[in-house]
Amino acid sequence: MFDSNKPVFIAGPCVIECADLLDEVARELVRLRDKLGIQIIFKASFDKANRTSLTSFRGPGLEKGLQMLADVGVKYGLPLTTDIHESVQAAPAGEVVDVIQIPAFLCRQTDLLIATANTGKVVNIKKAQFLSGEDMKYPADKVVGSGNPNVWLTERGNSFGYNNLVVDFRNIPDMKKISPRVIMDCTHSVQRPGAAGGKTGGNREFVPSMALAAKAFGANGYFFEVHPEPDKGLSDGPNMLALADLENVITSLL
C-alpha cells in the first residue's frame, strides 16, 4: 500500500474534536496529496488516555471515534492511522485504520504489541522518551516475532530533566538498522511535557527545523499534528503546526 521508495507523511489533529475539524484537515491533505504527489496518511486520536490532567479533553471514545475516522477514509480516500492504549482496542482499530500507532509510553507493553501485530496492519511504534534508538530492536522484535513484519519506528525525543525533551538525531540511523521506515515526529518532539500548569506546553516554531534535521539524518517519514487554529486545539495546541503552514514544511522536505 505504501511505496517504500518515497517518504510518507502523517498529519492530522491531535484528537478528534468534531466532524467539521476532520473534514477541514482531510480536504487540505487531499489537496496536498494531489498537488505534490505525496503519500499522506490522516491521523487523529479517538481517545487521549495519557492526558496530564483528569479534566483534560480526551476525545469521543473508541466506537464513535473509529466511525468518524472510517467516514474520513470513505469520503476522502485517505489512508488512516490512530493510536491505541489497550490490547482490546487493537482488533476494532485494525478494522478501520491502515497503520496502528503505539504510544511512546507504551512501546514496551508486550500484550499491546502482540495484539496489534495480530491485526496484520502496519504497526508504528513510537520510541519511548527513556529509550535509545538501539533499544527499539526489542519492541520491533515483539511485533515481527508475532508474525507481522510491517513495523515502522518513530523518533519523538528523549526526556531531558523535567518538563523538557531533546532529540538525539543519531537515533534515526540507529533505528533504520531495525526498520526500513523511520519517522520523525516533528511536533511531539517540541513538547514541554507537563510544563504548562497541568497541560503540556511546546515550541511549534521549531517544527520545520526538526523536520529538516531529521531528513539530514535519513528519516523517510514525517509526522505532523496540525490544526486550523492550534491555540484553540483541545489537546497539544502549543506544539501543533498550523494547518496553513503544512504545505511549506512538506515542500521544504521534497
Protein backbone atom coordinates (compact mmCIF):
# COMPACT_ATOMS: atom_id res chain seq x y z
CA MET A 1 0.00 0.00 0.00
CA PHE A 2 2.89 2.36 0.79
CA ASP A 3 5.79 2.90 -1.60
CA SER A 4 8.97 2.20 0.36
CA ASN A 5 10.98 4.34 -2.04
CA LYS A 6 9.02 7.52 -1.23
CA PRO A 7 8.70 9.43 2.04
CA VAL A 8 5.46 9.08 3.92
CA PHE A 9 3.73 11.97 5.65
CA ILE A 10 1.35 11.59 8.59
CA ALA A 11 -0.79 14.57 9.55
CA GLY A 12 -3.94 15.45 11.40
CA PRO A 13 -5.28 16.90 14.64
CA CYS A 14 -4.07 15.51 17.93
CA VAL A 15 -7.54 14.40 18.97
CA ILE A 16 -10.91 14.08 17.27
CA GLU A 17 -12.76 17.23 18.34
CA CYS A 18 -15.65 17.26 15.84
CA ALA A 19 -16.51 16.12 12.32
CA ASP A 20 -16.06 19.61 10.88
CA LEU A 21 -12.44 19.69 12.03
CA LEU A 22 -11.74 16.30 10.47
CA ASP A 23 -13.29 17.43 7.19
CA GLU A 24 -11.27 20.65 7.07
CA VAL A 25 -7.98 18.88 7.69
CA ALA A 26 -8.77 15.99 5.34
CA ARG A 27 -9.61 18.36 2.49
CA GLU A 28 -6.22 20.04 2.88
CA LEU A 29 -4.40 16.70 2.96
CA VAL A 30 -6.12 15.63 -0.25
CA ARG A 31 -5.15 18.93 -1.87
CA LEU A 32 -1.52 18.46 -0.87
CA ARG A 33 -1.52 14.84 -1.96
CA ASP A 34 -2.79 15.75 -5.40
CA LYS A 35 -0.66 18.87 -5.82
CA LEU A 36 2.64 17.44 -4.56
CA GLY A 37 2.20 13.78 -5.49
CA ILE A 38 2.95 12.58 -1.96
CA GLN A 39 1.72 9.67 0.10
CA ILE A 40 -0.01 11.11 3.14
CA ILE A 41 -1.89 9.46 6.00
CA PHE A 42 -4.67 11.07 8.03
CA LYS A 43 -4.16 10.85 11.79
CA ALA A 44 -6.41 11.63 14.74
CA SER A 45 -6.87 10.03 18.16
CA PHE A 46 -10.23 8.72 19.34
CA ASP A 47 -9.05 8.84 22.95
CA LYS A 48 -6.11 10.60 24.57
CA ALA A 49 -5.71 8.28 27.51
CA ASN A 50 -2.45 9.87 28.66
CA ARG A 51 -3.53 13.49 29.22
CA THR A 52 -1.76 15.31 32.04
CA SER A 53 -4.93 16.21 33.95
CA LEU A 54 -8.12 14.30 34.75
CA THR A 55 -10.13 17.28 33.48
CA SER A 56 -8.42 17.43 30.05
CA PHE A 57 -10.44 16.62 26.92
CA ARG A 58 -9.89 13.03 25.78
CA GLY A 59 -11.98 12.60 22.63
CA PRO A 60 -15.18 10.82 21.57
CA GLY A 61 -14.09 7.33 22.57
CA LEU A 62 -13.44 4.10 20.69
CA GLU A 63 -16.72 3.33 18.95
CA LYS A 64 -17.73 6.83 17.89
CA GLY A 65 -14.14 7.87 17.13
CA LEU A 66 -13.44 4.91 14.86
CA GLN A 67 -16.67 5.55 12.99
CA MET A 68 -15.65 9.17 12.43
CA LEU A 69 -12.26 8.04 11.14
CA ALA A 70 -13.90 5.47 8.87
CA ASP A 71 -16.09 8.24 7.44
CA VAL A 72 -12.97 10.27 6.61
CA GLY A 73 -11.42 7.29 4.85
CA VAL A 74 -14.50 6.67 2.72
CA LYS A 75 -15.19 10.33 1.96
CA TYR A 76 -11.65 11.42 1.10
CA GLY A 77 -9.84 8.23 0.09
CA LEU A 78 -7.05 8.80 2.59
CA PRO A 79 -5.24 6.02 4.47
CA LEU A 80 -5.77 6.31 8.21
CA THR A 81 -3.86 5.95 11.45
CA THR A 82 -4.72 6.28 15.11
CA ASP A 83 -3.15 5.30 18.41
CA ILE A 84 -4.37 2.68 20.83
CA HIS A 85 -3.69 2.28 24.53
CA GLU A 86 -5.12 -1.14 25.43
CA SER A 87 -4.90 -4.57 23.83
CA VAL A 88 -8.67 -4.82 23.43
CA GLN A 89 -8.61 -1.76 21.15
CA ALA A 90 -6.31 -3.39 18.59
CA ALA A 91 -8.84 -5.53 16.73
CA PRO A 92 -11.53 -2.86 16.27
CA ALA A 93 -8.91 -0.28 15.28
CA GLY A 94 -7.46 -2.74 12.79
CA GLU A 95 -10.81 -2.98 11.06
CA VAL A 96 -10.73 0.76 10.29
CA VAL A 97 -7.18 2.09 10.03
CA ASP A 98 -4.20 1.16 7.87
CA VAL A 99 -1.50 1.93 10.44
CA ILE A 100 -1.84 1.46 14.19
CA GLN A 101 0.33 3.71 16.34
CA ILE A 102 1.76 2.55 19.65
CA PRO A 103 2.25 5.49 22.05
CA ALA A 104 5.78 6.12 23.25
CA PHE A 105 4.97 5.48 26.91
CA LEU A 106 3.56 2.06 25.96
CA CYS A 107 6.16 0.83 23.48
CA ARG A 108 7.38 -1.96 25.77
CA GLN A 109 3.91 -3.33 26.58
CA THR A 110 4.19 -6.87 25.24
CA ASP A 111 0.48 -7.76 25.17
CA LEU A 112 -0.34 -4.49 23.39
CA LEU A 113 2.32 -5.10 20.74
CA ILE A 114 1.24 -8.70 20.15
CA ALA A 115 -2.44 -7.76 19.85
CA THR A 116 -1.55 -5.02 17.38
CA ALA A 117 0.70 -7.34 15.40
CA ASN A 118 -2.18 -9.81 15.10
CA THR A 119 -4.25 -7.27 13.17
CA GLY A 120 -1.86 -7.59 10.22
CA LYS A 121 -1.76 -3.81 9.85
CA VAL A 122 1.36 -1.68 9.84
CA VAL A 123 2.49 -1.15 13.43
CA ASN A 124 4.11 2.23 14.02
CA ILE A 125 5.94 2.14 17.35
CA LYS A 126 6.92 5.46 18.85
CA LYS A 127 10.20 5.40 20.72
CA ALA A 128 9.82 5.98 24.43
CA GLN A 129 11.26 9.15 25.90
CA PHE A 130 13.53 6.98 28.05
CA LEU A 131 14.91 4.66 25.34
CA SER A 132 17.68 4.88 22.77
CA GLY A 133 17.16 4.14 19.10
CA GLU A 134 19.05 0.86 19.50
CA ASP A 135 16.66 -0.17 22.30
CA MET A 136 13.79 -0.19 19.80
CA LYS A 137 15.01 -3.53 18.47
CA TYR A 138 13.11 -5.26 21.24
CA PRO A 139 9.65 -3.73 20.70
CA ALA A 140 10.09 -4.32 16.96
CA ASP A 141 11.08 -7.94 17.59
CA LYS A 142 7.87 -8.47 19.59
CA VAL A 143 5.80 -7.50 16.55
CA VAL A 144 7.90 -9.35 13.98
CA GLY A 145 8.10 -12.40 16.25
CA SER A 146 4.30 -12.40 16.38
CA GLY A 147 4.16 -12.87 12.62
CA ASN A 148 3.85 -9.28 11.40
CA PRO A 149 6.89 -7.85 9.55
CA ASN A 150 5.24 -4.47 8.93
CA VAL A 151 6.94 -2.35 11.59
CA TRP A 152 7.68 1.37 11.46
CA LEU A 153 9.60 3.22 14.16
CA THR A 154 9.13 6.85 15.19
CA GLU A 155 11.56 9.22 16.90
CA ARG A 156 9.95 11.74 19.28
CA GLY A 157 12.73 12.94 21.57
CA ASN A 158 14.08 11.95 24.96
CA SER A 159 13.38 13.32 28.42
CA PHE A 160 15.92 15.97 29.35
CA GLY A 161 15.44 16.69 33.02
CA TYR A 162 11.94 17.76 33.97
CA ASN A 163 9.39 19.25 31.52
CA ASN A 164 11.73 19.13 28.55
CA LEU A 165 12.68 16.96 25.60
CA VAL A 166 15.78 16.87 23.44
CA VAL A 167 16.22 15.00 20.16
CA ASP A 168 19.32 12.90 19.57
CA PHE A 169 19.16 12.58 15.80
CA ARG A 170 21.60 9.65 15.90
CA ASN A 171 18.58 7.59 16.90
CA ILE A 172 17.29 7.81 13.32
CA PRO A 173 20.14 5.90 11.63
CA ASP A 174 20.22 3.52 14.60
CA MET A 175 16.53 2.70 14.10
CA LYS A 176 16.96 2.36 10.33
CA LYS A 177 19.10 -0.68 11.11
CA ILE A 178 15.95 -2.16 12.66
CA SER A 179 13.19 -0.93 10.34
CA PRO A 180 13.40 0.45 6.80
CA ARG A 181 10.79 3.11 7.69
CA VAL A 182 11.80 5.61 10.36
CA ILE A 183 9.51 8.55 11.01
CA MET A 184 10.29 11.83 12.71
CA ASP A 185 7.53 13.06 14.98
CA CYS A 186 8.21 16.72 14.31
CA THR A 187 5.54 18.12 16.62
CA HIS A 188 5.68 15.93 19.74
CA SER A 189 9.46 16.36 19.77
CA VAL A 190 9.00 20.07 20.57
CA GLN A 191 6.70 19.40 23.53
CA ARG A 192 7.33 20.67 27.04
CA PRO A 193 5.63 17.82 28.93
CA GLY A 194 3.52 18.99 31.83
CA ALA A 195 5.14 22.42 31.65
CA ALA A 196 2.00 24.50 31.23
CA GLY A 197 0.20 24.19 34.54
CA GLY A 198 -1.47 20.79 34.20
CA LYS A 199 -1.10 20.77 30.42
CA THR A 200 1.70 20.04 28.00
CA GLY A 201 3.46 23.07 26.58
CA GLY A 202 5.54 23.28 23.44
CA ASN A 203 7.51 25.34 20.92
CA ARG A 204 5.92 24.91 17.49
CA GLU A 205 8.34 27.40 15.91
CA PHE A 206 10.98 24.65 15.90
CA VAL A 207 8.86 22.13 13.96
CA PRO A 208 10.23 22.96 10.47
CA SER A 209 13.82 22.70 11.71
CA MET A 210 13.12 19.36 13.40
CA ALA A 211 11.84 18.02 10.09
CA LEU A 212 14.83 19.21 8.08
CA ALA A 213 17.33 17.91 10.64
CA ALA A 214 15.60 14.52 10.61
CA LYS A 215 15.85 14.39 6.83
CA ALA A 216 19.59 15.06 7.06
CA PHE A 217 19.90 12.03 9.35
CA GLY A 218 17.97 9.76 6.98
CA ALA A 219 14.33 9.88 8.13
CA ASN A 220 11.91 8.76 5.43
CA GLY A 221 8.69 9.65 7.19
CA TYR A 222 7.39 12.76 8.91
CA PHE A 223 4.60 13.14 11.46
CA PHE A 224 2.87 16.48 12.00
CA GLU A 225 -0.06 17.17 14.27
CA VAL A 226 -1.90 20.03 12.59
CA HIS A 227 -4.89 22.22 13.39
CA PRO A 228 -6.51 25.21 11.64
CA GLU A 229 -6.18 27.17 14.89
CA PRO A 230 -3.63 25.38 17.09
CA ASP A 231 -4.06 27.72 20.04
CA LYS A 232 -7.72 26.68 20.19
CA GLY A 233 -6.92 22.96 19.93
CA LEU A 234 -8.24 20.78 22.73
CA SER A 235 -5.01 18.78 23.02
CA ASP A 236 -1.35 19.59 22.29
CA GLY A 237 -2.11 23.05 20.94
CA PRO A 238 1.29 24.60 21.79
CA ASN A 239 3.22 22.09 19.68
CA MET A 240 0.75 21.56 16.82
CA LEU A 241 1.58 23.08 13.44
CA ALA A 242 -0.89 25.47 11.86
CA LEU A 243 -2.66 23.71 9.02
CA ALA A 244 -1.90 26.61 6.68
CA ASP A 245 1.85 26.10 7.25
CA LEU A 246 1.89 22.39 6.38
CA GLU A 247 2.43 22.85 2.65
CA ASN A 248 5.57 24.94 3.08
CA VAL A 249 7.07 22.45 5.53
CA ILE A 250 6.35 19.46 3.29
CA THR A 251 7.67 21.30 0.24
CA SER A 252 10.93 22.01 2.07
CA LEU A 253 11.33 18.25 2.64
CA LEU A 254 10.79 17.40 -1.02
